Structure formats: structure tokens, C-alpha cells
Amino acid sequence: MADRQAKILESMKESIASGDFYEAHQRTRTIVSRHLMKKQYDNAYNLISEVVASLIEHNHLKSASDLALLYVE
């Protein structure tokens, strides 16, 4: 499972690095929702925190805050 999580995270970071912010944002929302439904809170938190940090680095604060709020809800 950890390998899968690492691949997902790497894919998200690649999307962000290549400028596909919307795709990374939407994919993260989908995957995090699945984790939360399965009560995999650690996986959800780890993915959100890494993607949010990457989005902030690229100055996409609105997407970053939306993902952070998704976890809080």
C-alpha cells in the first residue's frame, strides 16, 4: 500500500510541476474522498499535506486551501 501511495503522490507532484494544477487538485480531491470513506485518515492526511505544500510552492493558494478544508470537514 505504501508503494501505491508513493506513486500517487509522485504523480500529483509531477502534474503540479508541469502546470496541470486543476488536474492535480481534482485527482487529489477524489483520492482523498476515497481514503476518508475507507477511514484511512493517515493516508488522506499525508496526501493532502504533500499536495498542499506543493501547490503553495507554486503559488496556487486557493487550490491549497480548498484541499486543506476538505480534510477538516
Protein backbone atom coordinates (compact mmCIF):
# COMPACT_ATOMS: atom_id res chain seq x y z
CA MET A 1 0.00 0.00 0.00
CA ALA A 2 2.84 2.39 0.79
CA ASP A 3 4.25 1.90 -2.73
CA ARG A 4 0.88 2.81 -4.21
CA GLN A 5 0.65 5.92 -2.05
CA ALA A 6 4.14 6.94 -3.12
CA LYS A 7 3.22 6.53 -6.80
CA ILE A 8 0.05 8.57 -6.35
CA LEU A 9 1.94 11.33 -4.58
CA GLU A 10 4.67 11.36 -7.21
CA SER A 11 2.04 11.59 -9.95
CA MET A 12 0.39 14.55 -8.23
CA LYS A 13 3.70 16.35 -7.82
CA GLU A 14 4.54 15.75 -11.49
CA SER A 15 1.19 17.21 -12.52
CA ILE A 16 1.79 20.28 -10.40
CA ALA A 17 5.36 20.70 -11.67
CA SER A 18 4.14 20.56 -15.27
CA GLY A 19 1.45 23.15 -14.61
CA ASP A 20 -1.57 20.82 -14.50
CA PHE A 21 -2.84 22.34 -11.26
CA TYR A 22 -6.51 21.69 -11.94
CA GLU A 23 -5.89 18.02 -12.69
CA ALA A 24 -3.80 17.54 -9.56
CA HIS A 25 -6.40 19.35 -7.46
CA GLN A 26 -9.33 17.28 -8.75
CA ARG A 27 -7.47 13.97 -8.57
CA THR A 28 -6.39 14.73 -5.01
CA ARG A 29 -10.00 15.52 -4.01
CA THR A 30 -11.16 12.21 -5.49
CA ILE A 31 -8.46 10.09 -3.89
CA VAL A 32 -8.77 11.81 -0.50
CA SER A 33 -12.54 11.26 -0.54
CA ARG A 34 -11.94 7.55 -1.14
CA HIS A 35 -9.47 7.41 1.73
CA LEU A 36 -11.90 9.15 4.06
CA MET A 37 -14.75 6.79 3.12
CA LYS A 38 -12.46 3.86 3.97
CA LYS A 39 -11.42 5.60 7.21
CA GLN A 40 -7.82 5.71 6.02
CA TYR A 41 -7.21 9.03 7.71
CA ASP A 42 -3.43 8.82 7.77
CA ASN A 43 -3.28 8.24 4.01
CA ALA A 44 -5.69 11.13 3.40
CA TYR A 45 -3.70 13.47 5.64
CA ASN A 46 -0.35 12.53 4.11
CA LEU A 47 -1.59 13.04 0.57
CA ILE A 48 -3.27 16.35 1.35
CA SER A 49 -0.30 17.73 3.26
CA GLU A 50 2.17 16.91 0.49
CA VAL A 51 -0.03 18.18 -2.33
CA VAL A 52 -0.97 21.33 -0.42
CA ALA A 53 2.72 22.08 0.22
CA SER A 54 3.48 21.63 -3.47
CA LEU A 55 0.57 23.86 -4.51
CA ILE A 56 1.73 26.55 -2.09
CA GLU A 57 5.24 26.38 -3.58
CA HIS A 58 3.66 27.11 -6.97
CA ASN A 59 1.52 29.93 -5.53
CA HIS A 60 -1.84 28.17 -6.04
CA LEU A 61 -3.21 29.15 -2.67
CA LYS A 62 -6.91 28.79 -3.48
CA SER A 63 -6.48 25.14 -4.51
CA ALA A 64 -4.26 24.50 -1.50
CA SER A 65 -6.82 25.96 0.91
CA ASP A 66 -9.66 24.02 -0.72
CA LEU A 67 -7.81 20.74 -0.18
CA ALA A 68 -6.95 21.66 3.40
CA LEU A 69 -10.63 22.39 4.11
CA LEU A 70 -11.59 19.05 2.55
CA TYR A 71 -9.64 17.26 5.26
CA VAL A 72 -11.01 19.43 8.06
CA GLU A 73 -14.58 18.68 7.02
